[in-house]
Amino acid sequence: MSNDAPAPAARPSAAARRTLLEPAPGERLRRARSYFFEGLCVSSAVVVLVPLFLIFIYVVSKGLSGLSLDFFTQLPKPPLGDERSGMGNAVVGTLILVAIGCCIGLPSGILAGIYLAEIGRGKLASAIRFIADVLGGVPSITIGVFVYALVVVPMKRFSALAGGIALAIVMLPTVTRTTEELLKLVPAHLREASLALGVPEWRTSLLVVLRTASPGIGTGVMLAVARIAGETAPVLLTALGFQYWSVAVDRPIASLPVQIWRNATSPYPKWQQEAWTGALVLIALVFFLNLLARIVTSRSVKAR
C-alpha cells in the first residue's frame, strides 16, 4: 500500500527569510513621502487652530472680569460715573438683526441653491452662480452703502429692518453656493427612486434631496450666521445704533459689533473693559448657535 501523504514543505533558509522581510524596491521612499505629507497636514491643522485658541484665550482673559448679570440687563452709562453699566440693549439688538437677516436670507439662499442644483441650466444658472461668487467677495461696507441708498434714504431713517436686509445680502451667497454644492453630492439613485414611485419632482427636491443634505446645509448656514453676527460696517450704515432699549424694526437699534467698536475706540478704561466683555459675549453667542445647529442636525440624522 503506497503512502500518498504530501511531503512536508521545506523550511526557507535564513537568507530567503531576510529577502521576504525586506521592503520592496521603492517602499521606503513611499513610506517617507507618506510620513512627510501626514506631518505636513498635522502642521497645517496646528497653524490653523493655534491662532484661534490664542485669540479665544486672550479675549477671555480680558473680558471675563467684566462679565456679570448687569452686563445683560443694564444700558450703557457714562464712563466717569459709578453707575452699573452694560450692553443689554446691544445683545437684544444683535439677536433681532440676526433674526431678520436669517428670515430674509435663509429661505432665499436655500431656494436659490435648490434651483441651481435641481433645475437651473444654461445661461441663467451660470449668471446666478457668477453673481453669487462676485457678491461673496464684495466688501460688506459696500453692501451697507447699497442698502443705505435703497432702504434708509427712502424711509428717511435708520432702522433694524435696513440692518437685517444688509445682513441678509451678506449671507446670501454663502447659503446659496453651500446648498447647491451639497445637493449635488446627494446620490442620484435617491432622486430616481422617489421619481419612480410617482412623487412629483418638487416634492422629491424638498422632502428627499434637501432632507438628505440638511446636516451639511445646516453647517453652511451656521457659518453664514457666524459671519453676519460680527459685521459692523453694514449695521453702522443701516441700523446706526441706539443707546436705549428698542425692539421696533422701523427704528434705529443697538448691536454688539457697533457698541464694541465705539467702546474700544474710546479713551475711557471702563468702556474699553466693556468692549472686551462684549467681544467675549459675541464669541459665546456664535459658539452657542453653532453648537445648537450641530445638536439639531445630529438628531435629525439619527432619526433617519
C-alpha atoms as a PDB file:
ATOM      1  CA  MET A   1       0.000   0.000   0.000  1.00  0.00           C
ATOM      2  CA  SER A   2       1.558   3.257  -1.150  1.00  0.00           C
ATOM      3  CA  ASN A   3       1.761   6.328   1.060  1.00  0.00           C
ATOM      4  CA  ASP A   4       0.005   9.263  -0.704  1.00  0.00           C
ATOM      5  CA  ALA A   5       0.515  11.852   2.115  1.00  0.00           C
ATOM      6  CA  PRO A   6       2.176  15.069   0.866  1.00  0.00           C
ATOM      7  CA  ALA A   7       5.737  15.607   1.850  1.00  0.00           C
ATOM      8  CA  PRO A   8       6.330  18.381   4.399  1.00  0.00           C
ATOM      9  CA  ALA A   9       7.346  21.698   2.828  1.00  0.00           C
ATOM     10  CA  ALA A  10      10.953  22.582   3.210  1.00  0.00           C
ATOM     11  CA  ARG A  11      11.646  25.495   5.569  1.00  0.00           C
ATOM     12  CA  PRO A  12      13.092  28.549   3.799  1.00  0.00           C
ATOM     13  CA  SER A  13      16.649  29.350   4.554  1.00  0.00           C
ATOM     14  CA  ALA A  14      17.705  32.344   6.646  1.00  0.00           C
ATOM     15  CA  ALA A  15      18.728  34.259   3.519  1.00  0.00           C
ATOM     16  CA  ALA A  16      15.334  33.624   1.935  1.00  0.00           C
ATOM     17  CA  ARG A  17      13.537  34.812   5.073  1.00  0.00           C
ATOM     18  CA  ARG A  18      15.583  38.027   5.092  1.00  0.00           C
ATOM     19  CA  THR A  19      14.673  38.569   1.453  1.00  0.00           C
ATOM     20  CA  LEU A  20      10.954  38.184   2.219  1.00  0.00           C
ATOM     21  CA  LEU A  21      11.128  40.640   5.132  1.00  0.00           C
ATOM     22  CA  GLU A  22      12.991  43.310   3.203  1.00  0.00           C
ATOM     23  CA  PRO A  23      10.756  46.096   1.774  1.00  0.00           C
ATOM     24  CA  ALA A  24      10.074  46.106  -1.922  1.00  0.00           C
ATOM     25  CA  PRO A  25      12.071  48.464  -4.099  1.00  0.00           C
ATOM     26  CA  GLY A  26      10.790  51.994  -3.593  1.00  0.00           C
ATOM     27  CA  GLU A  27       8.758  51.097  -0.487  1.00  0.00           C
ATOM     28  CA  ARG A  28      10.983  53.119   1.836  1.00  0.00           C
ATOM     29  CA  LEU A  29      10.609  56.179  -0.382  1.00  0.00           C
ATOM     30  CA  ARG A  30       6.844  55.784  -0.461  1.00  0.00           C
ATOM     31  CA  ARG A  31       6.700  55.482   3.312  1.00  0.00           C
ATOM     32  CA  ALA A  32       8.876  58.554   3.719  1.00  0.00           C
ATOM     33  CA  ARG A  33       6.600  60.532   1.430  1.00  0.00           C
ATOM     34  CA  SER A  34       3.550  59.333   3.350  1.00  0.00           C
ATOM     35  CA  TYR A  35       5.046  60.372   6.701  1.00  0.00           C
ATOM     36  CA  PHE A  36       6.096  63.721   5.248  1.00  0.00           C
ATOM     37  CA  PHE A  37       2.637  64.608   3.969  1.00  0.00           C
ATOM     38  CA  GLU A  38       0.957  63.364   7.153  1.00  0.00           C
ATOM     39  CA  GLY A  39       3.255  65.615   9.152  1.00  0.00           C
ATOM     40  CA  LEU A  40       2.526  68.475   6.766  1.00  0.00           C
ATOM     41  CA  CYS A  41      -1.235  68.031   7.261  1.00  0.00           C
ATOM     42  CA  VAL A  42      -0.881  67.930  11.044  1.00  0.00           C
ATOM     43  CA  SER A  43       1.313  71.037  10.980  1.00  0.00           C
ATOM     44  CA  SER A  44      -1.227  72.868   8.828  1.00  0.00           C
ATOM     45  CA  ALA A  45      -4.007  71.937  11.249  1.00  0.00           C
ATOM     46  CA  VAL A  46      -1.926  73.281  14.134  1.00  0.00           C
ATOM     47  CA  VAL A  47      -1.241  76.509  12.231  1.00  0.00           C
ATOM     48  CA  VAL A  48      -4.996  76.958  11.756  1.00  0.00           C
ATOM     49  CA  LEU A  49      -6.021  76.088  15.315  1.00  0.00           C
ATOM     50  CA  VAL A  50      -3.307  77.864  17.311  1.00  0.00           C
ATOM     51  CA  PRO A  51      -4.306  81.446  16.325  1.00  0.00           C
ATOM     52  CA  LEU A  52      -7.949  80.591  17.041  1.00  0.00           C
ATOM     53  CA  PHE A  53      -7.153  79.350  20.535  1.00  0.00           C
ATOM     54  CA  LEU A  54      -4.816  82.260  21.221  1.00  0.00           C
ATOM     55  CA  ILE A  55      -7.484  84.791  20.230  1.00  0.00           C
ATOM     56  CA  PHE A  56     -10.097  82.998  22.324  1.00  0.00           C
ATOM     57  CA  ILE A  57      -7.836  82.783  25.382  1.00  0.00           C
ATOM     58  CA  TYR A  58      -6.836  86.453  25.071  1.00  0.00           C
ATOM     59  CA  VAL A  59     -10.435  87.645  24.756  1.00  0.00           C
ATOM     60  CA  VAL A  60     -11.459  85.500  27.731  1.00  0.00           C
ATOM     61  CA  SER A  61      -8.613  86.869  29.866  1.00  0.00           C
ATOM     62  CA  LYS A  62      -9.564  90.451  29.002  1.00  0.00           C
ATOM     63  CA  GLY A  63     -13.345  90.216  29.093  1.00  0.00           C
ATOM     64  CA  LEU A  64     -14.170  87.659  31.760  1.00  0.00           C
ATOM     65  CA  SER A  65     -13.655  90.101  34.649  1.00  0.00           C
ATOM     66  CA  GLY A  66     -16.425  92.376  33.349  1.00  0.00           C
ATOM     67  CA  LEU A  67     -18.958  89.593  32.817  1.00  0.00           C
ATOM     68  CA  SER A  68     -21.916  89.844  35.181  1.00  0.00           C
ATOM     69  CA  LEU A  69     -25.684  89.941  35.175  1.00  0.00           C
ATOM     70  CA  ASP A  70     -25.574  93.732  34.905  1.00  0.00           C
ATOM     71  CA  PHE A  71     -23.916  93.427  31.509  1.00  0.00           C
ATOM     72  CA  PHE A  72     -27.076  91.765  30.119  1.00  0.00           C
ATOM     73  CA  THR A  73     -29.644  93.874  31.991  1.00  0.00           C
ATOM     74  CA  GLN A  74     -28.219  97.414  32.091  1.00  0.00           C
ATOM     75  CA  LEU A  75     -27.848 100.122  29.456  1.00  0.00           C
ATOM     76  CA  PRO A  76     -24.544 101.845  28.619  1.00  0.00           C
ATOM     77  CA  LYS A  77     -23.759 104.538  31.173  1.00  0.00           C
ATOM     78  CA  PRO A  78     -21.331 107.492  31.225  1.00  0.00           C
ATOM     79  CA  PRO A  79     -17.745 106.297  31.662  1.00  0.00           C
ATOM     80  CA  LEU A  80     -16.836 108.516  34.614  1.00  0.00           C
ATOM     81  CA  GLY A  81     -19.689 107.595  36.922  1.00  0.00           C
ATOM     82  CA  ASP A  82     -20.133 104.701  39.331  1.00  0.00           C
ATOM     83  CA  GLU A  83     -23.449 103.574  37.877  1.00  0.00           C
ATOM     84  CA  ARG A  84     -23.860  99.977  36.830  1.00  0.00           C
ATOM     85  CA  SER A  85     -23.353  99.710  33.090  1.00  0.00           C
ATOM     86  CA  GLY A  86     -23.896  97.049  30.481  1.00  0.00           C
ATOM     87  CA  MET A  87     -24.829  96.250  26.889  1.00  0.00           C
ATOM     88  CA  GLY A  88     -28.186  94.588  27.339  1.00  0.00           C
ATOM     89  CA  ASN A  89     -29.756  96.648  24.559  1.00  0.00           C
ATOM     90  CA  ALA A  90     -26.935  95.695  22.193  1.00  0.00           C
ATOM     91  CA  VAL A  91     -27.332  91.971  22.939  1.00  0.00           C
ATOM     92  CA  VAL A  92     -31.066  92.140  22.215  1.00  0.00           C
ATOM     93  CA  GLY A  93     -30.462  94.257  19.113  1.00  0.00           C
ATOM     94  CA  THR A  94     -27.934  91.788  17.721  1.00  0.00           C
ATOM     95  CA  LEU A  95     -30.376  88.912  18.152  1.00  0.00           C
ATOM     96  CA  ILE A  96     -33.105  90.912  16.384  1.00  0.00           C
ATOM     97  CA  LEU A  97     -30.820  91.880  13.490  1.00  0.00           C
ATOM     98  CA  VAL A  98     -29.589  88.315  13.032  1.00  0.00           C
ATOM     99  CA  ALA A  99     -33.169  87.020  13.175  1.00  0.00           C
ATOM    100  CA  ILE A 100     -34.308  89.477  10.483  1.00  0.00           C
ATOM    101  CA  GLY A 101     -31.294  88.612   8.327  1.00  0.00           C
ATOM    102  CA  CYS A 102     -31.994  84.882   8.659  1.00  0.00           C
ATOM    103  CA  CYS A 103     -35.713  85.284   7.899  1.00  0.00           C
ATOM    104  CA  ILE A 104     -34.821  87.040   4.636  1.00  0.00           C
ATOM    105  CA  GLY A 105     -31.530  85.419   3.645  1.00  0.00           C
ATOM    106  CA  LEU A 106     -32.013  81.746   4.521  1.00  0.00           C
ATOM    107  CA  PRO A 107     -35.180  80.985   2.502  1.00  0.00           C
ATOM    108  CA  SER A 108     -33.867  82.972  -0.465  1.00  0.00           C
ATOM    109  CA  GLY A 109     -30.438  81.347  -0.380  1.00  0.00           C
ATOM    110  CA  ILE A 110     -31.700  77.788   0.121  1.00  0.00           C
ATOM    111  CA  LEU A 111     -34.313  78.092  -2.632  1.00  0.00           C
ATOM    112  CA  ALA A 112     -31.728  79.603  -4.982  1.00  0.00           C
ATOM    113  CA  GLY A 113     -29.378  76.706  -4.215  1.00  0.00           C
ATOM    114  CA  ILE A 114     -32.156  74.190  -4.912  1.00  0.00           C
ATOM    115  CA  TYR A 115     -32.849  75.884  -8.232  1.00  0.00           C
ATOM    116  CA  LEU A 116     -29.193  75.797  -9.264  1.00  0.00           C
ATOM    117  CA  ALA A 117     -28.732  72.149  -8.254  1.00  0.00           C
ATOM    118  CA  GLU A 118     -32.016  70.671  -9.423  1.00  0.00           C
ATOM    119  CA  ILE A 119     -33.424  72.864 -12.185  1.00  0.00           C
ATOM    120  CA  GLY A 120     -31.003  75.559 -13.281  1.00  0.00           C
ATOM    121  CA  ARG A 121     -29.351  75.031 -16.651  1.00  0.00           C
ATOM    122  CA  GLY A 122     -27.921  77.271 -19.306  1.00  0.00           C
ATOM    123  CA  LYS A 123     -27.015  80.933 -19.192  1.00  0.00           C
ATOM    124  CA  LEU A 124     -29.399  81.951 -16.402  1.00  0.00           C
ATOM    125  CA  ALA A 125     -27.939  79.445 -13.946  1.00  0.00           C
ATOM    126  CA  SER A 126     -24.400  80.417 -14.948  1.00  0.00           C
ATOM    127  CA  ALA A 127     -25.251  84.076 -14.405  1.00  0.00           C
ATOM    128  CA  ILE A 128     -26.705  83.358 -10.942  1.00  0.00           C
ATOM    129  CA  ARG A 129     -23.588  81.398  -9.937  1.00  0.00           C
ATOM    130  CA  PHE A 130     -21.341  84.175 -11.199  1.00  0.00           C
ATOM    131  CA  ILE A 131     -23.307  86.856  -9.337  1.00  0.00           C
ATOM    132  CA  ALA A 132     -23.266  84.791  -6.134  1.00  0.00           C
ATOM    133  CA  ASP A 133     -19.494  84.306  -6.370  1.00  0.00           C
ATOM    134  CA  VAL A 134     -18.916  88.003  -7.018  1.00  0.00           C
ATOM    135  CA  LEU A 135     -21.289  89.017  -4.219  1.00  0.00           C
ATOM    136  CA  GLY A 136     -19.404  86.760  -1.825  1.00  0.00           C
ATOM    137  CA  GLY A 137     -16.247  88.794  -2.433  1.00  0.00           C
ATOM    138  CA  VAL A 138     -17.855  92.243  -2.219  1.00  0.00           C
ATOM    139  CA  PRO A 139     -16.802  94.155   0.944  1.00  0.00           C
ATOM    140  CA  SER A 140     -19.601  94.322   3.469  1.00  0.00           C
ATOM    141  CA  ILE A 141     -19.340  98.107   3.715  1.00  0.00           C
ATOM    142  CA  THR A 142     -20.287  98.307   0.026  1.00  0.00           C
ATOM    143  CA  ILE A 143     -23.416  96.302   0.781  1.00  0.00           C
ATOM    144  CA  GLY A 144     -24.131  98.698   3.639  1.00  0.00           C
ATOM    145  CA  VAL A 145     -23.882 101.704   1.313  1.00  0.00           C
ATOM    146  CA  PHE A 146     -26.183  99.960  -1.181  1.00  0.00           C
ATOM    147  CA  VAL A 147     -28.862  99.235   1.448  1.00  0.00           C
ATOM    148  CA  TYR A 148     -28.471 102.765   2.820  1.00  0.00           C
ATOM    149  CA  ALA A 149     -29.374 104.172  -0.596  1.00  0.00           C
ATOM    150  CA  LEU A 150     -32.074 101.580  -1.251  1.00  0.00           C
ATOM    151  CA  VAL A 151     -33.836 101.453   2.135  1.00  0.00           C
ATOM    152  CA  VAL A 152     -32.598 104.098   4.574  1.00  0.00           C
ATOM    153  CA  VAL A 153     -32.900 107.093   2.239  1.00  0.00           C
ATOM    154  CA  PRO A 154     -36.481 106.311   1.081  1.00  0.00           C
ATOM    155  CA  MET A 155     -37.563 105.586   4.680  1.00  0.00           C
ATOM    156  CA  LYS A 156     -35.712 108.738   5.853  1.00  0.00           C
ATOM    157  CA  ARG A 157     -34.492 106.913   8.955  1.00  0.00           C
ATOM    158  CA  PHE A 158     -32.125 104.211  10.089  1.00  0.00           C
ATOM    159  CA  SER A 159     -33.871 101.011  11.123  1.00  0.00           C
ATOM    160  CA  ALA A 160     -33.437  97.425  12.229  1.00  0.00           C
ATOM    161  CA  LEU A 161     -35.163  96.358   9.023  1.00  0.00           C
ATOM    162  CA  ALA A 162     -32.474  98.004   6.907  1.00  0.00           C
ATOM    163  CA  GLY A 163     -29.785  96.344   9.020  1.00  0.00           C
ATOM    164  CA  GLY A 164     -31.435  92.943   8.626  1.00  0.00           C
ATOM    165  CA  ILE A 165     -31.650  93.380   4.851  1.00  0.00           C
ATOM    166  CA  ALA A 166     -27.943  94.245   4.697  1.00  0.00           C
ATOM    167  CA  LEU A 167     -27.037  91.167   6.756  1.00  0.00           C
ATOM    168  CA  ALA A 168     -29.291  89.000   4.570  1.00  0.00           C
ATOM    169  CA  ILE A 169     -27.416  90.136   1.457  1.00  0.00           C
ATOM    170  CA  VAL A 170     -24.095  89.386   3.172  1.00  0.00           C
ATOM    171  CA  MET A 171     -25.120  85.804   3.987  1.00  0.00           C
ATOM    172  CA  LEU A 172     -26.976  85.114   0.732  1.00  0.00           C
ATOM    173  CA  PRO A 173     -24.027  83.941  -1.452  1.00  0.00           C
ATOM    174  CA  THR A 174     -22.664  81.619   1.243  1.00  0.00           C
ATOM    175  CA  VAL A 175     -26.010  79.914   1.770  1.00  0.00           C
ATOM    176  CA  THR A 176     -26.732  79.676  -1.968  1.00  0.00           C
ATOM    177  CA  ARG A 177     -23.434  78.109  -3.000  1.00  0.00           C
ATOM    178  CA  THR A 178     -23.295  75.798   0.032  1.00  0.00           C
ATOM    179  CA  THR A 179     -26.808  74.498  -0.652  1.00  0.00           C
ATOM    180  CA  GLU A 180     -26.064  73.926  -4.327  1.00  0.00           C
ATOM    181  CA  GLU A 181     -22.825  72.019  -3.762  1.00  0.00           C
ATOM    182  CA  LEU A 182     -24.280  69.812  -1.030  1.00  0.00           C
ATOM    183  CA  LEU A 183     -27.378  68.966  -3.048  1.00  0.00           C
ATOM    184  CA  LYS A 184     -25.149  67.856  -5.909  1.00  0.00           C
ATOM    185  CA  LEU A 185     -23.482  65.359  -3.542  1.00  0.00           C
ATOM    186  CA  VAL A 186     -26.773  63.545  -2.865  1.00  0.00           C
ATOM    187  CA  PRO A 187     -26.711  60.165  -4.713  1.00  0.00           C
ATOM    188  CA  ALA A 188     -28.723  60.164  -7.927  1.00  0.00           C
ATOM    189  CA  HIS A 189     -30.447  56.860  -7.071  1.00  0.00           C
ATOM    190  CA  LEU A 190     -32.370  58.605  -4.256  1.00  0.00           C
ATOM    191  CA  ARG A 191     -33.903  61.018  -6.754  1.00  0.00           C
ATOM    192  CA  GLU A 192     -34.605  58.214  -9.213  1.00  0.00           C
ATOM    193  CA  ALA A 193     -36.239  56.021  -6.558  1.00  0.00           C
ATOM    194  CA  SER A 194     -38.512  58.849  -5.447  1.00  0.00           C
ATOM    195  CA  LEU A 195     -39.493  59.761  -9.002  1.00  0.00           C
ATOM    196  CA  ALA A 196     -40.092  56.088  -9.842  1.00  0.00           C
ATOM    197  CA  LEU A 197     -42.651  55.907  -7.014  1.00  0.00           C
ATOM    198  CA  GLY A 198     -44.600  58.725  -8.635  1.00  0.00           C
ATOM    199  CA  VAL A 199     -43.502  61.517  -6.304  1.00  0.00           C
ATOM    200  CA  PRO A 200     -43.538  64.908  -8.080  1.00  0.00           C
ATOM    201  CA  GLU A 201     -40.180  66.472  -8.802  1.00  0.00           C
ATOM    202  CA  TRP A 202     -40.709  69.440  -6.488  1.00  0.00           C
ATOM    203  CA  ARG A 203     -41.571  67.163  -3.565  1.00  0.00           C
ATOM    204  CA  THR A 204     -38.561  64.990  -4.335  1.00  0.00           C
ATOM    205  CA  SER A 205     -36.302  68.038  -4.198  1.00  0.00           C
ATOM    206  CA  LEU A 206     -37.760  69.336  -0.932  1.00  0.00           C
ATOM    207  CA  LEU A 207     -38.536  66.143   1.010  1.00  0.00           C
ATOM    208  CA  VAL A 208     -35.852  63.742  -0.215  1.00  0.00           C
ATOM    209  CA  VAL A 209     -32.864  65.595  -1.621  1.00  0.00           C
ATOM    210  CA  LEU A 210     -32.973  68.614   0.694  1.00  0.00           C
ATOM    211  CA  ARG A 211     -33.615  66.461   3.760  1.00  0.00           C
ATOM    212  CA  THR A 212     -30.675  64.203   2.942  1.00  0.00           C
ATOM    213  CA  ALA A 213     -28.319  67.170   2.597  1.00  0.00           C
ATOM    214  CA  SER A 214     -29.747  69.081   5.590  1.00  0.00           C
ATOM    215  CA  PRO A 215     -26.852  68.372   8.026  1.00  0.00           C
ATOM    216  CA  GLY A 216     -24.287  69.851   5.653  1.00  0.00           C
ATOM    217  CA  ILE A 217     -26.573  72.743   4.747  1.00  0.00           C
ATOM    218  CA  GLY A 218     -27.048  73.429   8.466  1.00  0.00           C
ATOM    219  CA  THR A 219     -23.295  73.740   8.890  1.00  0.00           C
ATOM    220  CA  GLY A 220     -23.116  76.188   5.990  1.00  0.00           C
ATOM    221  CA  VAL A 221     -25.988  78.191   7.454  1.00  0.00           C
ATOM    222  CA  MET A 222     -24.205  78.472  10.779  1.00  0.00           C
ATOM    223  CA  LEU A 223     -21.070  79.704   9.057  1.00  0.00           C
ATOM    224  CA  ALA A 224     -23.148  82.403   7.389  1.00  0.00           C
ATOM    225  CA  VAL A 225     -24.836  83.326  10.684  1.00  0.00           C
ATOM    226  CA  ALA A 226     -21.466  83.493  12.441  1.00  0.00           C
ATOM    227  CA  ARG A 227     -20.248  85.896   9.780  1.00  0.00           C
ATOM    228  CA  ILE A 228     -23.189  88.301   9.944  1.00  0.00           C
ATOM    229  CA  ALA A 229     -23.262  88.273  13.758  1.00  0.00           C
ATOM    230  CA  GLY A 230     -19.925  90.090  13.822  1.00  0.00           C
ATOM    231  CA  GLU A 231     -20.494  92.522  10.940  1.00  0.00           C
ATOM    232  CA  THR A 232     -20.037  96.154  11.909  1.00  0.00           C
ATOM    233  CA  ALA A 233     -19.860  98.323   8.770  1.00  0.00           C
ATOM    234  CA  PRO A 234     -23.222  97.411   7.158  1.00  0.00           C
ATOM    235  CA  VAL A 235     -25.019  97.637  10.506  1.00  0.00           C
ATOM    236  CA  LEU A 236     -23.464 101.022  11.268  1.00  0.00           C
ATOM    237  CA  LEU A 237     -24.689 102.394   7.923  1.00  0.00           C
ATOM    238  CA  THR A 238     -28.205 100.958   8.202  1.00  0.00           C
ATOM    239  CA  ALA A 239     -29.261 100.355  11.834  1.00  0.00           C
ATOM    240  CA  LEU A 240     -26.867 103.052  13.185  1.00  0.00           C
ATOM    241  CA  GLY A 241     -27.142 102.117  16.870  1.00  0.00           C
ATOM    242  CA  PHE A 242     -29.242 103.246  19.819  1.00  0.00           C
ATOM    243  CA  GLN A 243     -28.374 103.847  23.462  1.00  0.00           C
ATOM    244  CA  TYR A 244     -31.754 102.769  24.833  1.00  0.00           C
ATOM    245  CA  TRP A 245     -33.885  99.640  24.715  1.00  0.00           C
ATOM    246  CA  SER A 246     -35.616  99.161  21.377  1.00  0.00           C
ATOM    247  CA  VAL A 247     -37.297  96.248  19.600  1.00  0.00           C
ATOM    248  CA  ALA A 248     -39.015  98.240  16.836  1.00  0.00           C
ATOM    249  CA  VAL A 249     -37.931  97.106  13.381  1.00  0.00           C
ATOM    250  CA  ASP A 250     -38.595 100.535  11.841  1.00  0.00           C
ATOM    251  CA  ARG A 251     -36.330 102.423  14.269  1.00  0.00           C
ATOM    252  CA  PRO A 252     -32.581 102.512  14.934  1.00  0.00           C
ATOM    253  CA  ILE A 253     -31.386  99.650  17.110  1.00  0.00           C
ATOM    254  CA  ALA A 254     -28.241  98.836  19.070  1.00  0.00           C
ATOM    255  CA  SER A 255     -25.913  95.972  18.171  1.00  0.00           C
ATOM    256  CA  LEU A 256     -22.927  94.350  19.820  1.00  0.00           C
ATOM    257  CA  PRO A 257     -20.404  94.909  16.976  1.00  0.00           C
ATOM    258  CA  VAL A 258     -21.175  98.634  16.769  1.00  0.00           C
ATOM    259  CA  GLN A 259     -21.176  99.048  20.549  1.00  0.00           C
ATOM    260  CA  ILE A 260     -17.883  97.157  20.831  1.00  0.00           C
ATOM    261  CA  TRP A 261     -16.340  99.381  18.156  1.00  0.00           C
ATOM    262  CA  ARG A 262     -17.471 102.562  19.890  1.00  0.00           C
ATOM    263  CA  ASN A 263     -16.263 101.456  23.317  1.00  0.00           C
ATOM    264  CA  ALA A 264     -12.958 100.075  22.051  1.00  0.00           C
ATOM    265  CA  THR A 265     -12.072 103.346  20.284  1.00  0.00           C
ATOM    266  CA  SER A 266     -12.902 105.475  23.340  1.00  0.00           C
ATOM    267  CA  PRO A 267     -10.178 106.717  25.733  1.00  0.00           C
ATOM    268  CA  TYR A 268     -12.015 105.517  28.855  1.00  0.00           C
ATOM    269  CA  PRO A 269     -10.818 102.309  30.572  1.00  0.00           C
ATOM    270  CA  LYS A 270     -14.355 101.489  31.747  1.00  0.00           C
ATOM    271  CA  TRP A 271     -15.726 101.463  28.216  1.00  0.00           C
ATOM    272  CA  GLN A 272     -12.702  99.572  26.912  1.00  0.00           C
ATOM    273  CA  GLN A 273     -13.327  96.860  29.507  1.00  0.00           C
ATOM    274  CA  GLU A 274     -16.950  96.645  28.381  1.00  0.00           C
ATOM    275  CA  ALA A 275     -15.741  96.299  24.796  1.00  0.00           C
ATOM    276  CA  TRP A 276     -13.672  93.228  25.741  1.00  0.00           C
ATOM    277  CA  THR A 277     -16.634  91.756  27.614  1.00  0.00           C
ATOM    278  CA  GLY A 278     -18.870  92.433  24.597  1.00  0.00           C
ATOM    279  CA  ALA A 279     -16.390  90.645  22.340  1.00  0.00           C
ATOM    280  CA  LEU A 280     -16.446  87.643  24.684  1.00  0.00           C
ATOM    281  CA  VAL A 281     -20.252  87.589  24.686  1.00  0.00           C
ATOM    282  CA  LEU A 282     -20.310  87.807  20.878  1.00  0.00           C
ATOM    283  CA  ILE A 283     -17.931  84.842  20.580  1.00  0.00           C
ATOM    284  CA  ALA A 284     -20.034  82.878  23.071  1.00  0.00           C
ATOM    285  CA  LEU A 285     -23.184  83.710  21.105  1.00  0.00           C
ATOM    286  CA  VAL A 286     -21.683  82.421  17.856  1.00  0.00           C
ATOM    287  CA  PHE A 287     -20.407  79.292  19.631  1.00  0.00           C
ATOM    288  CA  PHE A 288     -23.851  78.627  21.116  1.00  0.00           C
ATOM    289  CA  LEU A 289     -25.544  78.980  17.723  1.00  0.00           C
ATOM    290  CA  ASN A 290     -23.066  76.564  16.149  1.00  0.00           C
ATOM    291  CA  LEU A 291     -23.484  74.077  18.997  1.00  0.00           C
ATOM    292  CA  LEU A 292     -27.267  74.290  18.725  1.00  0.00           C
ATOM    293  CA  ALA A 293     -27.104  73.659  14.975  1.00  0.00           C
ATOM    294  CA  ARG A 294     -24.855  70.627  15.472  1.00  0.00           C
ATOM    295  CA  ILE A 295     -27.247  69.156  18.039  1.00  0.00           C
ATOM    296  CA  VAL A 296     -30.289  69.692  15.812  1.00  0.00           C
ATOM    297  CA  THR A 297     -28.634  68.251  12.693  1.00  0.00           C
ATOM    298  CA  SER A 298     -27.197  65.259  14.566  1.00  0.00           C
ATOM    299  CA  ARG A 299     -30.621  64.410  15.958  1.00  0.00           C
ATOM    300  CA  SER A 300     -32.171  64.655  12.504  1.00  0.00           C
ATOM    301  CA  VAL A 301     -29.532  62.276  11.137  1.00  0.00           C
ATOM    302  CA  LYS A 302     -30.149  59.770  13.952  1.00  0.00           C
ATOM    303  CA  ALA A 303     -33.901  59.994  13.388  1.00  0.00           C
ATOM    304  CA  ARG A 304     -33.420  58.957   9.752  1.00  0.00           C
END
